[in-house]
Amino acid sequence: MMLNRLAAGVDDLVIKAKVLASSDVGYILTEDTLHLFSAHEIDLWEAALDRRLDDLQ
């Protein structure tokens, strides 16, 4: 998958985790776009990000 290849080339673990989490949920959440997502979508994003960060550490 394209996002997995992109993540492989990233050294910063937080950015890598965000790229991989976006692959899991189908979107990327930022402070600028936070207001566009439901509480449920935010929870899904945060869980995916936490899971990916744990996997990388």
PDB file of N, CA and C in Angstrom:
ATOM      1  N   MET A   1       0.839  -1.185   0.000  1.00  0.00           N
ATOM      2  CA  MET A   1       0.000   0.000   0.000  1.00  0.00           C
ATOM      3  C   MET A   1       0.882   1.246   0.000  1.00  0.00           C
ATOM      4  N   MET A   2       0.436   2.272  -0.635  1.00  0.00           N
ATOM      5  CA  MET A   2       1.217   3.484  -0.794  1.00  0.00           C
ATOM      6  C   MET A   2       1.569   4.130   0.548  1.00  0.00           C
ATOM      7  N   LEU A   3       0.633   4.188   1.486  1.00  0.00           N
ATOM      8  CA  LEU A   3       0.914   4.820   2.774  1.00  0.00           C
ATOM      9  C   LEU A   3       1.962   4.044   3.564  1.00  0.00           C
ATOM     10  N   ASN A   4       1.975   2.736   3.438  1.00  0.00           N
ATOM     11  CA  ASN A   4       2.992   1.936   4.124  1.00  0.00           C
ATOM     12  C   ASN A   4       4.379   2.230   3.564  1.00  0.00           C
ATOM     13  N   ARG A   5       4.477   2.402   2.249  1.00  0.00           N
ATOM     14  CA  ARG A   5       5.764   2.760   1.626  1.00  0.00           C
ATOM     15  C   ARG A   5       6.196   4.152   2.073  1.00  0.00           C
ATOM     16  N   LEU A   6       5.239   5.073   2.151  1.00  0.00           N
ATOM     17  CA  LEU A   6       5.547   6.422   2.605  1.00  0.00           C
ATOM     18  C   LEU A   6       6.057   6.383   4.040  1.00  0.00           C
ATOM     19  N   ALA A   7       5.363   5.653   4.903  1.00  0.00           N
ATOM     20  CA  ALA A   7       5.762   5.560   6.308  1.00  0.00           C
ATOM     21  C   ALA A   7       7.147   4.951   6.462  1.00  0.00           C
ATOM     22  N   ALA A   8       7.488   4.022   5.600  1.00  0.00           N
ATOM     23  CA  ALA A   8       8.801   3.371   5.679  1.00  0.00           C
ATOM     24  C   ALA A   8       9.936   4.369   5.478  1.00  0.00           C
ATOM     25  N   GLY A   9       9.678   5.445   4.761  1.00  0.00           N
ATOM     26  CA  GLY A   9      10.708   6.433   4.500  1.00  0.00           C
ATOM     27  C   GLY A   9      10.751   7.573   5.495  1.00  0.00           C
ATOM     28  N   VAL A  10       9.949   7.500   6.550  1.00  0.00           N
ATOM     29  CA  VAL A  10       9.871   8.581   7.537  1.00  0.00           C
ATOM     30  C   VAL A  10      10.637   8.182   8.788  1.00  0.00           C
ATOM     31  N   ASP A  11      11.492   9.065   9.273  1.00  0.00           N
ATOM     32  CA  ASP A  11      12.272   8.789  10.478  1.00  0.00           C
ATOM     33  C   ASP A  11      11.539   9.184  11.763  1.00  0.00           C
ATOM     34  N   ASP A  12      10.754  10.240  11.721  1.00  0.00           N
ATOM     35  CA  ASP A  12      10.029  10.732  12.903  1.00  0.00           C
ATOM     36  C   ASP A  12       8.916   9.745  13.262  1.00  0.00           C
ATOM     37  N   LEU A  13       8.981   9.172  14.478  1.00  0.00           N
ATOM     38  CA  LEU A  13       8.018   8.145  14.872  1.00  0.00           C
ATOM     39  C   LEU A  13       6.588   8.655  14.944  1.00  0.00           C
ATOM     40  N   VAL A  14       6.386   9.898  15.360  1.00  0.00           N
ATOM     41  CA  VAL A  14       5.023  10.439  15.459  1.00  0.00           C
ATOM     42  C   VAL A  14       4.423  10.607  14.064  1.00  0.00           C
ATOM     43  N   ILE A  15       5.189  11.136  13.148  1.00  0.00           N
ATOM     44  CA  ILE A  15       4.695  11.304  11.780  1.00  0.00           C
ATOM     45  C   ILE A  15       4.448   9.942  11.145  1.00  0.00           C
ATOM     46  N   LYS A  16       5.362   9.014  11.358  1.00  0.00           N
ATOM     47  CA  LYS A  16       5.188   7.658  10.832  1.00  0.00           C
ATOM     48  C   LYS A  16       3.901   7.043  11.383  1.00  0.00           C
ATOM     49  N   ALA A  17       3.650   7.197  12.684  1.00  0.00           N
ATOM     50  CA  ALA A  17       2.444   6.655  13.305  1.00  0.00           C
ATOM     51  C   ALA A  17       1.190   7.313  12.729  1.00  0.00           C
ATOM     52  N   LYS A  18       1.243   8.612  12.464  1.00  0.00           N
ATOM     53  CA  LYS A  18       0.089   9.303  11.887  1.00  0.00           C
ATOM     54  C   LYS A  18      -0.205   8.796  10.485  1.00  0.00           C
ATOM     55  N   VAL A  19       0.830   8.577   9.698  1.00  0.00           N
ATOM     56  CA  VAL A  19       0.632   8.043   8.346  1.00  0.00           C
ATOM     57  C   VAL A  19       0.010   6.658   8.408  1.00  0.00           C
ATOM     58  N   LEU A  20       0.527   5.809   9.288  1.00  0.00           N
ATOM     59  CA  LEU A  20       0.000   4.453   9.414  1.00  0.00           C
ATOM     60  C   LEU A  20      -1.415   4.451   9.993  1.00  0.00           C
ATOM     61  N   ALA A  21      -1.692   5.333  10.953  1.00  0.00           N
ATOM     62  CA  ALA A  21      -3.038   5.435  11.519  1.00  0.00           C
ATOM     63  C   ALA A  21      -4.029   5.890  10.456  1.00  0.00           C
ATOM     64  N   SER A  22      -3.607   6.790   9.585  1.00  0.00           N
ATOM     65  CA  SER A  22      -4.499   7.233   8.514  1.00  0.00           C
ATOM     66  C   SER A  22      -4.824   6.083   7.575  1.00  0.00           C
ATOM     67  N   SER A  23      -3.881   5.178   7.408  1.00  0.00           N
ATOM     68  CA  SER A  23      -4.122   3.980   6.614  1.00  0.00           C
ATOM     69  C   SER A  23      -5.179   3.094   7.277  1.00  0.00           C
ATOM     70  N   ASP A  24      -5.172   3.053   8.595  1.00  0.00           N
ATOM     71  CA  ASP A  24      -6.132   2.230   9.341  1.00  0.00           C
ATOM     72  C   ASP A  24      -7.550   2.776   9.285  1.00  0.00           C
ATOM     73  N   VAL A  25      -7.694   4.089   9.456  1.00  0.00           N
ATOM     74  CA  VAL A  25      -9.042   4.668   9.576  1.00  0.00           C
ATOM     75  C   VAL A  25      -9.545   5.341   8.303  1.00  0.00           C
ATOM     76  N   GLY A  26      -8.649   5.651   7.368  1.00  0.00           N
ATOM     77  CA  GLY A  26      -9.081   6.237   6.107  1.00  0.00           C
ATOM     78  C   GLY A  26      -9.083   7.755   6.069  1.00  0.00           C
ATOM     79  N   TYR A  27      -8.578   8.387   7.112  1.00  0.00           N
ATOM     80  CA  TYR A  27      -8.482   9.851   7.140  1.00  0.00           C
ATOM     81  C   TYR A  27      -7.361  10.229   8.091  1.00  0.00           C
ATOM     82  N   ILE A  28      -6.914  11.490   7.975  1.00  0.00           N
ATOM     83  CA  ILE A  28      -5.920  12.002   8.908  1.00  0.00           C
ATOM     84  C   ILE A  28      -6.524  13.187   9.621  1.00  0.00           C
ATOM     85  N   LEU A  29      -6.358  13.212  10.906  1.00  0.00           N
ATOM     86  CA  LEU A  29      -6.952  14.253  11.727  1.00  0.00           C
ATOM     87  C   LEU A  29      -5.858  15.231  12.153  1.00  0.00           C
ATOM     88  N   THR A  30      -6.117  16.516  11.994  1.00  0.00           N
ATOM     89  CA  THR A  30      -5.179  17.551  12.431  1.00  0.00           C
ATOM     90  C   THR A  30      -5.940  18.552  13.286  1.00  0.00           C
ATOM     91  N   GLU A  31      -5.223  19.427  13.947  1.00  0.00           N
ATOM     92  CA  GLU A  31      -5.879  20.466  14.738  1.00  0.00           C
ATOM     93  C   GLU A  31      -6.779  21.339  13.859  1.00  0.00           C
ATOM     94  N   ASP A  32      -6.356  21.570  12.630  1.00  0.00           N
ATOM     95  CA  ASP A  32      -7.132  22.413  11.716  1.00  0.00           C
ATOM     96  C   ASP A  32      -8.404  21.737  11.221  1.00  0.00           C
ATOM     97  N   THR A  33      -8.429  20.411  11.214  1.00  0.00           N
ATOM     98  CA  THR A  33      -9.607  19.697  10.695  1.00  0.00           C
ATOM     99  C   THR A  33     -10.425  19.024  11.791  1.00  0.00           C
ATOM    100  N   LEU A  34     -10.006  19.166  13.030  1.00  0.00           N
ATOM    101  CA  LEU A  34     -10.673  18.506  14.150  1.00  0.00           C
ATOM    102  C   LEU A  34     -12.178  18.775  14.181  1.00  0.00           C
ATOM    103  N   HIS A  35     -12.571  19.988  13.887  1.00  0.00           N
ATOM    104  CA  HIS A  35     -13.988  20.365  13.951  1.00  0.00           C
ATOM    105  C   HIS A  35     -14.841  19.676  12.879  1.00  0.00           C
ATOM    106  N   LEU A  36     -14.223  19.058  11.905  1.00  0.00           N
ATOM    107  CA  LEU A  36     -14.954  18.393  10.823  1.00  0.00           C
ATOM    108  C   LEU A  36     -15.337  16.955  11.155  1.00  0.00           C
ATOM    109  N   PHE A  37     -14.838  16.429  12.270  1.00  0.00           N
ATOM    110  CA  PHE A  37     -15.033  15.022  12.609  1.00  0.00           C
ATOM    111  C   PHE A  37     -15.931  14.857  13.826  1.00  0.00           C
ATOM    112  N   SER A  38     -16.649  13.741  13.839  1.00  0.00           N
ATOM    113  CA  SER A  38     -17.512  13.422  14.984  1.00  0.00           C
ATOM    114  C   SER A  38     -16.646  12.917  16.142  1.00  0.00           C
ATOM    115  N   ALA A  39     -17.239  12.872  17.318  1.00  0.00           N
ATOM    116  CA  ALA A  39     -16.534  12.358  18.495  1.00  0.00           C
ATOM    117  C   ALA A  39     -16.105  10.913  18.261  1.00  0.00           C
ATOM    118  N   HIS A  40     -16.946  10.148  17.608  1.00  0.00           N
ATOM    119  CA  HIS A  40     -16.627   8.748  17.319  1.00  0.00           C
ATOM    120  C   HIS A  40     -15.417   8.651  16.381  1.00  0.00           C
ATOM    121  N   GLU A  41     -15.377   9.476  15.352  1.00  0.00           N
ATOM    122  CA  GLU A  41     -14.246   9.468  14.419  1.00  0.00           C
ATOM    123  C   GLU A  41     -12.956   9.894  15.120  1.00  0.00           C
ATOM    124  N   ILE A  42     -13.066  10.847  16.009  1.00  0.00           N
ATOM    125  CA  ILE A  42     -11.890  11.293  16.774  1.00  0.00           C
ATOM    126  C   ILE A  42     -11.393  10.160  17.670  1.00  0.00           C
ATOM    127  N   ASP A  43     -12.315   9.464  18.314  1.00  0.00           N
ATOM    128  CA  ASP A  43     -11.935   8.321  19.153  1.00  0.00           C
ATOM    129  C   ASP A  43     -11.241   7.244  18.332  1.00  0.00           C
ATOM    130  N   LEU A  44     -11.772   6.956  17.136  1.00  0.00           N
ATOM    131  CA  LEU A  44     -11.150   5.958  16.260  1.00  0.00           C
ATOM    132  C   LEU A  44      -9.736   6.380  15.867  1.00  0.00           C
ATOM    133  N   TRP A  45      -9.589   7.655  15.505  1.00  0.00           N
ATOM    134  CA  TRP A  45      -8.281   8.177  15.120  1.00  0.00           C
ATOM    135  C   TRP A  45      -7.293   8.053  16.277  1.00  0.00           C
ATOM    136  N   GLU A  46      -7.696   8.485  17.464  1.00  0.00           N
ATOM    137  CA  GLU A  46      -6.797   8.452  18.613  1.00  0.00           C
ATOM    138  C   GLU A  46      -6.404   7.022  18.980  1.00  0.00           C
ATOM    139  N   ALA A  47      -7.341   6.089  18.874  1.00  0.00           N
ATOM    140  CA  ALA A  47      -7.034   4.688  19.167  1.00  0.00           C
ATOM    141  C   ALA A  47      -6.046   4.130  18.141  1.00  0.00           C
ATOM    142  N   ALA A  48      -6.257   4.446  16.872  1.00  0.00           N
ATOM    143  CA  ALA A  48      -5.352   3.981  15.818  1.00  0.00           C
ATOM    144  C   ALA A  48      -3.971   4.592  15.999  1.00  0.00           C
ATOM    145  N   LEU A  49      -3.913   5.863  16.329  1.00  0.00           N
ATOM    146  CA  LEU A  49      -2.627   6.537  16.531  1.00  0.00           C
ATOM    147  C   LEU A  49      -1.896   5.944  17.734  1.00  0.00           C
ATOM    148  N   ASP A  50      -2.600   5.741  18.837  1.00  0.00           N
ATOM    149  CA  ASP A  50      -1.985   5.134  20.022  1.00  0.00           C
ATOM    150  C   ASP A  50      -1.453   3.734  19.714  1.00  0.00           C
ATOM    151  N   ARG A  51      -2.237   2.952  18.991  1.00  0.00           N
ATOM    152  CA  ARG A  51      -1.842   1.590  18.637  1.00  0.00           C
ATOM    153  C   ARG A  51      -0.570   1.613  17.777  1.00  0.00           C
ATOM    154  N   ARG A  52      -0.537   2.502  16.795  1.00  0.00           N
ATOM    155  CA  ARG A  52       0.624   2.580  15.907  1.00  0.00           C
ATOM    156  C   ARG A  52       1.854   3.086  16.657  1.00  0.00           C
ATOM    157  N   LEU A  53       1.676   4.063  17.558  1.00  0.00           N
ATOM    158  CA  LEU A  53       2.813   4.545  18.351  1.00  0.00           C
ATOM    159  C   LEU A  53       3.366   3.429  19.230  1.00  0.00           C
ATOM    160  N   ASP A  54       2.476   2.654  19.838  1.00  0.00           N
ATOM    161  CA  ASP A  54       2.916   1.527  20.661  1.00  0.00           C
ATOM    162  C   ASP A  54       3.701   0.520  19.830  1.00  0.00           C
ATOM    163  N   ASP A  55       3.208   0.249  18.618  1.00  0.00           N
ATOM    164  CA  ASP A  55       3.869  -0.715  17.734  1.00  0.00           C
ATOM    165  C   ASP A  55       5.273  -0.256  17.338  1.00  0.00           C
ATOM    166  N   LEU A  56       5.459   1.052  17.216  1.00  0.00           N
ATOM    167  CA  LEU A  56       6.740   1.587  16.747  1.00  0.00           C
ATOM    168  C   LEU A  56       7.767   1.726  17.853  1.00  0.00           C
ATOM    169  N   GLN A  57       7.324   1.681  19.093  1.00  0.00           N
ATOM    170  CA  GLN A  57       8.270   1.889  20.204  1.00  0.00           C
ATOM    171  C   GLN A  57       8.750   0.601  20.804  1.00  0.00           C
TER     172      GLN A  57
END
